[in-house]
Amino acid sequence: MLRWALFFLLVAIIAAILGMPQVAAISGEISKIIFFVFIVLFLLILLFGATIFK
């Protein structure tokens, strides 16, 4: 999942350099959403993993 976030971030940067602001904005938002979903899932697994295997 983190790879997808980095991929969309890279697409956003390249699109911004090439002068495509709509593509850059959409790719940046997708990257941000995927990253925050990754963080939430990571924290949930960290929290519940610690309680389950205690």
N, C-alpha and C. Protein backbone atom coordinates (compact mmCIF):
# COMPACT_ATOMS: atom_id res chain seq x y z
N MET A 1 0.83 -1.19 0.00
CA MET A 1 0.00 0.00 0.00
C MET A 1 0.88 1.25 0.00
N LEU A 2 1.96 1.19 0.72
CA LEU A 2 2.86 2.34 0.77
C LEU A 2 3.51 2.57 -0.59
N ARG A 3 3.73 1.50 -1.34
CA ARG A 3 4.29 1.64 -2.69
C ARG A 3 3.34 2.41 -3.60
N TRP A 4 2.03 2.15 -3.46
CA TRP A 4 1.04 2.87 -4.26
C TRP A 4 1.06 4.36 -3.92
N ALA A 5 1.18 4.67 -2.65
CA ALA A 5 1.23 6.08 -2.25
C ALA A 5 2.46 6.76 -2.84
N LEU A 6 3.59 6.08 -2.80
CA LEU A 6 4.81 6.66 -3.38
C LEU A 6 4.70 6.79 -4.89
N PHE A 7 4.04 5.81 -5.54
CA PHE A 7 3.84 5.87 -6.98
C PHE A 7 3.00 7.09 -7.37
N PHE A 8 1.88 7.30 -6.68
CA PHE A 8 1.03 8.44 -7.00
C PHE A 8 1.71 9.76 -6.66
N LEU A 9 2.53 9.77 -5.63
CA LEU A 9 3.31 10.97 -5.32
C LEU A 9 4.29 11.28 -6.44
N LEU A 10 4.94 10.26 -6.96
CA LEU A 10 5.86 10.44 -8.07
C LEU A 10 5.13 10.93 -9.32
N VAL A 11 3.95 10.37 -9.60
CA VAL A 11 3.15 10.83 -10.73
C VAL A 11 2.77 12.29 -10.55
N ALA A 12 2.40 12.68 -9.33
CA ALA A 12 2.04 14.07 -9.07
C ALA A 12 3.22 15.01 -9.29
N ILE A 13 4.39 14.61 -8.87
CA ILE A 13 5.58 15.46 -9.05
C ILE A 13 5.92 15.60 -10.53
N ILE A 14 5.88 14.50 -11.26
CA ILE A 14 6.18 14.55 -12.70
C ILE A 14 5.13 15.38 -13.44
N ALA A 15 3.87 15.20 -13.08
CA ALA A 15 2.81 15.98 -13.73
C ALA A 15 2.96 17.47 -13.44
N ALA A 16 3.35 17.80 -12.22
CA ALA A 16 3.56 19.21 -11.88
C ALA A 16 4.72 19.81 -12.67
N ILE A 17 5.78 19.04 -12.85
CA ILE A 17 6.93 19.51 -13.61
C ILE A 17 6.55 19.72 -15.08
N LEU A 18 5.72 18.83 -15.61
CA LEU A 18 5.33 18.92 -17.01
C LEU A 18 4.19 19.90 -17.25
N GLY A 19 3.68 20.51 -16.21
CA GLY A 19 2.67 21.54 -16.37
C GLY A 19 1.25 21.03 -16.50
N MET A 20 0.93 19.95 -15.82
CA MET A 20 -0.43 19.41 -15.82
C MET A 20 -1.00 19.50 -14.41
N PRO A 21 -1.56 20.65 -14.04
CA PRO A 21 -1.97 20.85 -12.64
C PRO A 21 -3.13 19.96 -12.19
N GLN A 22 -4.05 19.63 -13.09
CA GLN A 22 -5.18 18.78 -12.68
C GLN A 22 -4.70 17.37 -12.34
N VAL A 23 -3.85 16.82 -13.18
CA VAL A 23 -3.31 15.48 -12.93
C VAL A 23 -2.48 15.48 -11.66
N ALA A 24 -1.70 16.52 -11.47
CA ALA A 24 -0.86 16.62 -10.27
C ALA A 24 -1.72 16.71 -9.01
N ALA A 25 -2.79 17.48 -9.07
CA ALA A 25 -3.65 17.63 -7.89
C ALA A 25 -4.37 16.33 -7.55
N ILE A 26 -4.90 15.67 -8.57
CA ILE A 26 -5.61 14.41 -8.33
C ILE A 26 -4.65 13.34 -7.81
N SER A 27 -3.49 13.23 -8.42
CA SER A 27 -2.52 12.22 -7.97
C SER A 27 -2.02 12.52 -6.56
N GLY A 28 -1.85 13.78 -6.25
CA GLY A 28 -1.43 14.15 -4.90
C GLY A 28 -2.49 13.80 -3.86
N GLU A 29 -3.75 14.04 -4.19
CA GLU A 29 -4.83 13.70 -3.25
C GLU A 29 -4.95 12.18 -3.07
N ILE A 30 -4.83 11.44 -4.15
CA ILE A 30 -4.88 9.97 -4.05
C ILE A 30 -3.73 9.47 -3.20
N SER A 31 -2.55 10.02 -3.43
CA SER A 31 -1.38 9.63 -2.64
C SER A 31 -1.59 9.93 -1.16
N LYS A 32 -2.16 11.08 -0.86
CA LYS A 32 -2.39 11.47 0.53
C LYS A 32 -3.40 10.53 1.20
N ILE A 33 -4.48 10.20 0.49
CA ILE A 33 -5.50 9.31 1.04
C ILE A 33 -4.93 7.93 1.31
N ILE A 34 -4.21 7.38 0.34
CA ILE A 34 -3.62 6.04 0.51
C ILE A 34 -2.63 6.05 1.67
N PHE A 35 -1.85 7.10 1.81
CA PHE A 35 -0.88 7.18 2.90
C PHE A 35 -1.56 7.19 4.26
N PHE A 36 -2.64 7.98 4.39
CA PHE A 36 -3.33 8.04 5.68
C PHE A 36 -4.05 6.72 6.00
N VAL A 37 -4.56 6.04 4.98
CA VAL A 37 -5.15 4.72 5.20
C VAL A 37 -4.08 3.76 5.68
N PHE A 38 -2.89 3.84 5.08
CA PHE A 38 -1.78 2.99 5.51
C PHE A 38 -1.42 3.27 6.97
N ILE A 39 -1.34 4.53 7.35
CA ILE A 39 -0.99 4.88 8.73
C ILE A 39 -2.04 4.35 9.71
N VAL A 40 -3.31 4.52 9.38
CA VAL A 40 -4.39 4.03 10.26
C VAL A 40 -4.33 2.51 10.40
N LEU A 41 -4.18 1.81 9.28
CA LEU A 41 -4.09 0.35 9.35
C LEU A 41 -2.85 -0.09 10.12
N PHE A 42 -1.75 0.58 9.93
CA PHE A 42 -0.53 0.25 10.66
C PHE A 42 -0.73 0.41 12.16
N LEU A 43 -1.34 1.52 12.56
CA LEU A 43 -1.57 1.75 13.99
C LEU A 43 -2.56 0.75 14.57
N LEU A 44 -3.59 0.39 13.82
CA LEU A 44 -4.55 -0.62 14.30
C LEU A 44 -3.88 -1.98 14.47
N ILE A 45 -3.07 -2.37 13.50
CA ILE A 45 -2.36 -3.65 13.62
C ILE A 45 -1.38 -3.60 14.78
N LEU A 46 -0.72 -2.48 14.95
CA LEU A 46 0.22 -2.34 16.05
C LEU A 46 -0.50 -2.44 17.39
N LEU A 47 -1.64 -1.78 17.51
CA LEU A 47 -2.40 -1.78 18.75
C LEU A 47 -3.01 -3.15 19.04
N PHE A 48 -3.73 -3.70 18.06
CA PHE A 48 -4.39 -4.99 18.29
C PHE A 48 -3.42 -6.15 18.27
N GLY A 49 -2.33 -6.01 17.56
CA GLY A 49 -1.30 -7.05 17.59
C GLY A 49 -0.67 -7.17 18.96
N ALA A 50 -0.48 -6.04 19.61
CA ALA A 50 0.11 -6.04 20.95
C ALA A 50 -0.86 -6.62 21.97
N THR A 51 -2.17 -6.41 21.80
CA THR A 51 -3.14 -6.92 22.75
C THR A 51 -3.46 -8.39 22.50
N ILE A 52 -3.43 -8.82 21.26
CA ILE A 52 -3.77 -10.21 20.95
C ILE A 52 -2.65 -11.16 21.38
N PHE A 53 -1.41 -10.79 21.13
CA PHE A 53 -0.28 -11.69 21.42
C PHE A 53 0.32 -11.47 22.79
N LYS A 54 -0.38 -10.81 23.66
CA LYS A 54 0.14 -10.54 25.00
C LYS A 54 0.09 -11.75 25.89
